[in-house]
Every structure is written in C-alpha cells, then in structure tokens.
C-alpha atoms as a PDB file:
ATOM      1  CA  MET A   1      14.174 110.994  23.003  1.00  0.00           C
ATOM      2  CA  GLN A   2      12.142 107.453  21.787  1.00  0.00           C
ATOM      3  CA  THR A   3      13.356 106.359  18.066  1.00  0.00           C
ATOM      4  CA  LYS A   4      10.866 106.492  15.026  1.00  0.00           C
ATOM      5  CA  GLU A   5      10.295 102.684  15.203  1.00  0.00           C
ATOM      6  CA  GLN A   6       9.326 102.858  18.594  1.00  0.00           C
ATOM      7  CA  ILE A   7       7.063 105.892  18.098  1.00  0.00           C
ATOM      8  CA  ARG A   8       5.180 104.287  15.245  1.00  0.00           C
ATOM      9  CA  GLN A   9       4.456 100.959  17.207  1.00  0.00           C
ATOM     10  CA  GLN A  10       3.263 103.128  20.094  1.00  0.00           C
ATOM     11  CA  GLN A  11       0.978 105.340  17.534  1.00  0.00           C
ATOM     12  CA  ILE A  12      -0.138 101.930  15.790  1.00  0.00           C
ATOM     13  CA  ALA A  13      -1.509 100.629  19.067  1.00  0.00           C
ATOM     14  CA  ALA A  14      -3.355 103.938  19.792  1.00  0.00           C
ATOM     15  CA  LEU A  15      -4.779 103.881  16.368  1.00  0.00           C
ATOM     16  CA  GLN A  16      -6.265 100.514  16.575  1.00  0.00           C
ATOM     17  CA  THR A  17      -7.409 101.731  20.498  1.00  0.00           C
ATOM     18  CA  LEU A  18      -9.746 104.351  18.998  1.00  0.00           C
ATOM     19  CA  ALA A  19     -10.775 101.808  15.712  1.00  0.00           C
ATOM     20  CA  GLN A  20     -12.239 100.036  18.428  1.00  0.00           C
ATOM     21  CA  THR A  21     -14.521 102.743  19.675  1.00  0.00           C
ATOM     22  CA  PRO A  22     -15.929 103.605  16.580  1.00  0.00           C
ATOM     23  CA  ALA A  23     -18.872 106.397  17.672  1.00  0.00           C
ATOM     24  CA  LEU A  24     -15.777 108.322  19.003  1.00  0.00           C
ATOM     25  CA  LYS A  25     -13.298 107.702  15.667  1.00  0.00           C
ATOM     26  CA  SER A  26     -16.199 108.895  13.412  1.00  0.00           C
ATOM     27  CA  ALA A  27     -16.820 111.561  15.721  1.00  0.00           C
ATOM     28  CA  GLN A  28     -13.148 113.039  15.296  1.00  0.00           C
ATOM     29  CA  GLU A  29     -13.071 112.139  11.763  1.00  0.00           C
ATOM     30  CA  ALA A  30     -15.955 114.641  11.205  1.00  0.00           C
ATOM     31  CA  LYS A  31     -14.453 117.441  13.609  1.00  0.00           C
ATOM     32  CA  LEU A  32     -11.459 117.185  11.294  1.00  0.00           C
ATOM     33  CA  LEU A  33     -13.186 117.108   7.838  1.00  0.00           C
ATOM     34  CA  GLN A  34     -15.610 120.556   9.159  1.00  0.00           C
ATOM     35  CA  LEU A  35     -11.852 122.275   9.856  1.00  0.00           C
ATOM     36  CA  LEU A  36     -10.285 121.058   6.916  1.00  0.00           C
ATOM     37  CA  MET A  37     -13.621 122.585   4.734  1.00  0.00           C
ATOM     38  CA  ALA A  38     -12.767 125.787   6.639  1.00  0.00           C
ATOM     39  CA  THR A  39      -9.368 126.348   5.421  1.00  0.00           C
ATOM     40  CA  GLU A  40      -8.411 128.962   3.131  1.00  0.00           C
ATOM     41  CA  ALA A  41      -5.582 126.440   1.331  1.00  0.00           C
ATOM     42  CA  PHE A  42      -8.957 123.633   0.735  1.00  0.00           C
ATOM     43  CA  GLN A  43     -11.082 126.772  -0.563  1.00  0.00           C
ATOM     44  CA  THR A  44      -8.237 127.561  -2.778  1.00  0.00           C
ATOM     45  CA  ALA A  45      -7.380 124.095  -3.583  1.00  0.00           C
ATOM     46  CA  THR A  46      -8.467 122.857  -7.273  1.00  0.00           C
ATOM     47  CA  ILE A  47      -6.733 119.158  -7.031  1.00  0.00           C
ATOM     48  CA  ILE A  48      -6.373 117.586  -3.675  1.00  0.00           C
ATOM     49  CA  GLY A  49      -3.803 114.795  -2.822  1.00  0.00           C
ATOM     50  CA  ILE A  50      -5.295 112.552  -0.419  1.00  0.00           C
ATOM     51  CA  THR A  51      -4.604 108.837   0.190  1.00  0.00           C
ATOM     52  CA  LEU A  52      -6.763 105.948   0.585  1.00  0.00           C
ATOM     53  CA  SER A  53      -6.958 105.381   4.422  1.00  0.00           C
ATOM     54  CA  GLN A  54      -6.390 102.110   6.203  1.00  0.00           C
ATOM     55  CA  PRO A  55      -9.300 100.835   9.130  1.00  0.00           C
ATOM     56  CA  ILE A  56      -6.842 102.697  11.823  1.00  0.00           C
ATOM     57  CA  GLU A  57      -6.049 105.883  10.109  1.00  0.00           C
ATOM     58  CA  MET A  58      -8.719 109.153   9.729  1.00  0.00           C
ATOM     59  CA  ALA A  59     -10.859 107.303   6.963  1.00  0.00           C
ATOM     60  CA  THR A  60     -10.643 109.514   3.791  1.00  0.00           C
ATOM     61  CA  LYS A  61     -13.795 108.169   1.898  1.00  0.00           C
ATOM     62  CA  PRO A  62     -15.397 111.233   4.010  1.00  0.00           C
ATOM     63  CA  VAL A  63     -13.235 113.299   2.956  1.00  0.00           C
ATOM     64  CA  ILE A  64     -12.417 112.601  -0.733  1.00  0.00           C
ATOM     65  CA  ASP A  65     -16.809 113.220  -1.187  1.00  0.00           C
ATOM     66  CA  ALA A  66     -16.837 116.867   0.238  1.00  0.00           C
ATOM     67  CA  ILE A  67     -13.879 117.065  -1.909  1.00  0.00           C
ATOM     68  CA  ARG A  68     -15.694 115.919  -5.311  1.00  0.00           C
ATOM     69  CA  PHE A  69     -19.074 117.818  -3.622  1.00  0.00           C
ATOM     70  CA  ALA A  70     -16.625 121.006  -3.376  1.00  0.00           C
ATOM     71  CA  GLY A  71     -16.172 120.387  -7.029  1.00  0.00           C
ATOM     72  CA  LYS A  72     -12.663 119.528  -7.080  1.00  0.00           C
ATOM     73  CA  GLN A  73     -10.109 117.306  -8.064  1.00  0.00           C
ATOM     74  CA  VAL A  74      -9.220 114.231  -5.939  1.00  0.00           C
ATOM     75  CA  ALA A  75      -5.873 112.684  -6.591  1.00  0.00           C
ATOM     76  CA  VAL A  76      -4.696 109.449  -4.866  1.00  0.00           C
ATOM     77  CA  PRO A  77      -0.990 108.278  -5.071  1.00  0.00           C
ATOM     78  CA  LYS A  78       1.085 105.031  -6.589  1.00  0.00           C
ATOM     79  CA  THR A  79       4.058 104.170  -5.080  1.00  0.00           C
ATOM     80  CA  LEU A  80       7.031 104.154  -8.030  1.00  0.00           C
ATOM     81  CA  PRO A  81      10.412 102.187  -7.555  1.00  0.00           C
ATOM     82  CA  ALA A  82      13.425 103.927  -5.632  1.00  0.00           C
ATOM     83  CA  ARG A  83      10.866 105.347  -2.644  1.00  0.00           C
ATOM     84  CA  GLN A  84       8.774 107.676  -5.288  1.00  0.00           C
ATOM     85  CA  MET A  85       5.188 108.393  -6.347  1.00  0.00           C
ATOM     86  CA  ALA A  86       3.277 109.898  -8.817  1.00  0.00           C
ATOM     87  CA  PHE A  87      -0.810 111.113  -8.086  1.00  0.00           C
ATOM     88  CA  TYR A  88      -3.362 110.199 -10.661  1.00  0.00           C
ATOM     89  CA  PRO A  89      -6.971 111.668 -10.336  1.00  0.00           C
ATOM     90  CA  LEU A  90      -9.216 109.394  -8.279  1.00  0.00           C
ATOM     91  CA  THR A  91     -12.388 109.109 -10.880  1.00  0.00           C
ATOM     92  CA  ALA A  92     -15.571 106.309 -10.547  1.00  0.00           C
ATOM     93  CA  THR A  93     -14.257 104.724 -13.367  1.00  0.00           C
ATOM     94  CA  THR A  94     -10.614 104.463 -11.693  1.00  0.00           C
ATOM     95  CA  ASP A  95      -9.313 100.651 -10.899  1.00  0.00           C
ATOM     96  CA  LEU A  96      -7.656 100.088  -7.667  1.00  0.00           C
ATOM     97  CA  ALA A  97      -5.835  97.526  -6.807  1.00  0.00           C
ATOM     98  CA  THR A  98      -4.103  96.653  -3.336  1.00  0.00           C
ATOM     99  CA  SER A  99      -0.228  98.028  -3.303  1.00  0.00           C
ATOM    100  CA  SER A 100       2.750  95.479  -1.199  1.00  0.00           C
ATOM    101  CA  TYR A 101       1.994  98.088   1.743  1.00  0.00           C
ATOM    102  CA  GLY A 102      -1.578  96.768   1.913  1.00  0.00           C
ATOM    103  CA  VAL A 103      -2.376 100.313   0.718  1.00  0.00           C
ATOM    104  CA  LEU A 104      -5.164 100.547  -2.190  1.00  0.00           C
ATOM    105  CA  GLU A 105      -3.857 102.585  -5.178  1.00  0.00           C
ATOM    106  CA  PRO A 106      -4.813 103.697  -8.785  1.00  0.00           C
ATOM    107  CA  VAL A 107      -4.021 100.667 -11.742  1.00  0.00           C
ATOM    108  CA  ILE A 108      -1.894 102.951 -14.032  1.00  0.00           C
ATOM    109  CA  THR A 109      -2.458 102.070 -18.014  1.00  0.00           C
ATOM    110  CA  ALA A 110      -1.075 103.458 -20.658  1.00  0.00           C
ATOM    111  CA  SER A 111      -3.423 106.029 -20.823  1.00  0.00           C
ATOM    112  CA  SER A 112      -2.868 107.048 -17.229  1.00  0.00           C
ATOM    113  CA  GLN A 113      -2.092 110.689 -16.817  1.00  0.00           C
ATOM    114  CA  ALA A 114      -0.280 112.163 -13.652  1.00  0.00           C
ATOM    115  CA  ILE A 115      -0.999 115.022 -11.876  1.00  0.00           C
ATOM    116  CA  ILE A 116       0.529 117.200  -9.243  1.00  0.00           C
ATOM    117  CA  PRO A 117      -2.104 118.361  -6.448  1.00  0.00           C
ATOM    118  CA  ASP A 118      -2.152 122.254  -5.554  1.00  0.00           C
ATOM    119  CA  LEU A 119      -2.852 121.006  -1.655  1.00  0.00           C
ATOM    120  CA  MET A 120      -1.861 117.602  -0.144  1.00  0.00           C
ATOM    121  CA  ILE A 121      -3.948 115.979   3.124  1.00  0.00           C
ATOM    122  CA  VAL A 122      -0.146 114.391   4.425  1.00  0.00           C
ATOM    123  CA  PRO A 123      -1.007 111.056   6.719  1.00  0.00           C
ATOM    124  CA  GLY A 124       1.450 109.685   9.899  1.00  0.00           C
ATOM    125  CA  LEU A 125       0.949 108.526  12.554  1.00  0.00           C
ATOM    126  CA  ALA A 126       2.041 110.941  14.299  1.00  0.00           C
ATOM    127  CA  PHE A 127       1.801 114.944  14.085  1.00  0.00           C
ATOM    128  CA  SER A 128       3.425 117.924  16.386  1.00  0.00           C
ATOM    129  CA  PRO A 129       1.358 120.796  16.533  1.00  0.00           C
ATOM    130  CA  GLU A 130       5.035 122.851  14.950  1.00  0.00           C
ATOM    131  CA  GLY A 131       3.977 120.533  11.718  1.00  0.00           C
ATOM    132  CA  TRP A 132       6.357 117.786  12.541  1.00  0.00           C
ATOM    133  CA  ARG A 133       5.144 113.982  11.271  1.00  0.00           C
ATOM    134  CA  VAL A 134       6.003 110.198  12.154  1.00  0.00           C
ATOM    135  CA  GLY A 135       4.915 108.770   8.960  1.00  0.00           C
ATOM    136  CA  PHE A 136       4.876 105.068   8.020  1.00  0.00           C
ATOM    137  CA  GLY A 137       8.908 104.851   7.491  1.00  0.00           C
ATOM    138  CA  GLY A 138       8.847 104.966   3.601  1.00  0.00           C
ATOM    139  CA  GLY A 139      10.182 108.769   3.251  1.00  0.00           C
ATOM    140  CA  TYR A 140       7.625 109.029   0.296  1.00  0.00           C
ATOM    141  CA  TYR A 141       5.865 112.130   0.851  1.00  0.00           C
ATOM    142  CA  ASP A 142       9.133 113.672   1.985  1.00  0.00           C
ATOM    143  CA  ARG A 143      10.828 112.870  -1.052  1.00  0.00           C
ATOM    144  CA  TYR A 144       7.694 114.262  -3.247  1.00  0.00           C
ATOM    145  CA  LEU A 145       6.920 117.717  -1.206  1.00  0.00           C
ATOM    146  CA  VAL A 146      10.634 118.432  -1.882  1.00  0.00           C
ATOM    147  CA  GLN A 147      10.415 117.516  -5.447  1.00  0.00           C
ATOM    148  CA  HIS A 148       6.789 119.131  -5.651  1.00  0.00           C
ATOM    149  CA  PRO A 149       6.302 122.026  -3.027  1.00  0.00           C
ATOM    150  CA  MET A 150       2.902 122.886  -2.061  1.00  0.00           C
ATOM    151  CA  PRO A 151       0.414 123.662   0.745  1.00  0.00           C
ATOM    152  CA  THR A 152       0.406 120.398   3.257  1.00  0.00           C
ATOM    153  CA  ILE A 153      -2.606 120.050   5.734  1.00  0.00           C
ATOM    154  CA  ALA A 154      -2.781 116.582   8.146  1.00  0.00           C
ATOM    155  CA  LEU A 155      -5.742 115.587   9.914  1.00  0.00           C
ATOM    156  CA  ALA A 156      -4.767 113.975  13.355  1.00  0.00           C
ATOM    157  CA  LEU A 157      -7.142 112.356  15.528  1.00  0.00           C
ATOM    158  CA  LYS A 158      -6.645 112.673  18.826  1.00  0.00           C
ATOM    159  CA  PRO A 159      -3.888 109.487  19.539  1.00  0.00           C
ATOM    160  CA  GLN A 160      -2.127 111.163  16.301  1.00  0.00           C
ATOM    161  CA  GLN A 161      -1.896 114.575  18.726  1.00  0.00           C
ATOM    162  CA  ARG A 162       1.806 114.718  20.525  1.00  0.00           C
ATOM    163  CA  SER A 163       4.803 117.009  20.834  1.00  0.00           C
ATOM    164  CA  ALA A 164       7.998 116.239  18.976  1.00  0.00           C
ATOM    165  CA  ASP A 165       9.696 113.777  20.719  1.00  0.00           C
ATOM    166  CA  TRP A 166      11.751 112.353  17.809  1.00  0.00           C
ATOM    167  CA  ALA A 167      14.532 113.278  15.675  1.00  0.00           C
ATOM    168  CA  ILE A 168      14.255 115.577  13.129  1.00  0.00           C
ATOM    169  CA  ASP A 169      16.324 114.271   9.925  1.00  0.00           C
ATOM    170  CA  GLU A 170      17.413 116.765   7.986  1.00  0.00           C
ATOM    171  CA  PHE A 171      15.359 115.343   4.890  1.00  0.00           C
ATOM    172  CA  ASP A 172      11.944 116.180   6.906  1.00  0.00           C
ATOM    173  CA  VAL A 173       9.560 118.179   5.871  1.00  0.00           C
ATOM    174  CA  GLN A 174       7.448 120.377   7.816  1.00  0.00           C
ATOM    175  CA  LEU A 175       4.053 120.424   7.625  1.00  0.00           C
ATOM    176  CA  ASP A 176       1.996 123.774   6.856  1.00  0.00           C
ATOM    177  CA  GLN A 177      -1.039 122.855   9.164  1.00  0.00           C
ATOM    178  CA  VAL A 178      -1.913 120.124  11.620  1.00  0.00           C
ATOM    179  CA  LEU A 179      -5.205 120.062  12.260  1.00  0.00           C
ATOM    180  CA  GLN A 180      -6.791 118.751  15.669  1.00  0.00           C
ATOM    181  CA  VAL A 181      -9.975 118.230  17.369  1.00  0.00           C
END
C-alpha cells in the first residue's frame, strides 16, 4: 500500500503528461461535462460549488459556463485559517487573487456573503470508483463536507481513476459519484 504523498506525486506526474496532449485532455473533459450535466444532482442543484482549476486539472471554465447557462449559481472556495474554507458567488464582477496555494480565489470584501452550495464538484488527484479520493493534502474539502453535507461529484480524467490502493483515514469523506470516461 502506498502513502497518499506517494500517490500525489504519481498523479501529478500523470496529469502533467496528459496536459501535454491537449486534444486528448479536452476530449475527456467534454465527455465528463456531458456526464455531469446528465446527473440528477446537477439537474436539481441551484448553487454548485466548484474550484478554479490549475492547468493540469480538469478545466473548470467550461463547467462553470455550463452551470451558468443552465441558470444555476456558481460558488468558488476561499481558503481560511485553520484549514477551513467558505464558498462565495462567482459573478462577472468577482475579483480574484492567487492564494498561497497558487489557486485563484475570490477577494473578500465587507459586502461579500458566503453561500453554501447544494452540490459540490470535488477536486482531487486520484478517485476510486467507490468515491474515495486523494486530494492535494490540506483536508479542506473533507472538513467542509463534514460541516455541510451535500451531494458530491468528482470529474475524473483517465489518469485520476484508480482503485483505492491507499489507507482510508477516518476523516476522509466518501463522494457520492465519481464520473469517469
């Protein structure tokens, strides 16, 4: 059994390799978006939580565009102290800044109002068909989902799909659906 840190390194390398073939990556992303939009969870949700992706991850801009086109609200995370996070509406006027993790996050002002999504598209590096995941190592999503239970979906590119060959920790939150191509 490998450690989560070993798996993270393998997965980052595999995703970097996929990113070098943009047509293949885009084809997988388009299929995953179609699968997402066909889910009951997507169709019934009104506020969808999603991260702003890094280049090696599943591109979330087309997903965000599809969420908006479907008349739903987009909420993106802002990391907070003590490995917590909150979600804020992403609109055309939302100012974004790069976090210490290198991720774009909303700039919070006095008028910013956190919202709780009713569907979370959970990022990660590895996903098992049963809904277990290896994330980026901060535990932010696991903590948030314990505090705010909601339907969860992962969009797993081919390199992210693997059996759960890692230790499942007691604080790990199992996802409801892992969509695969």
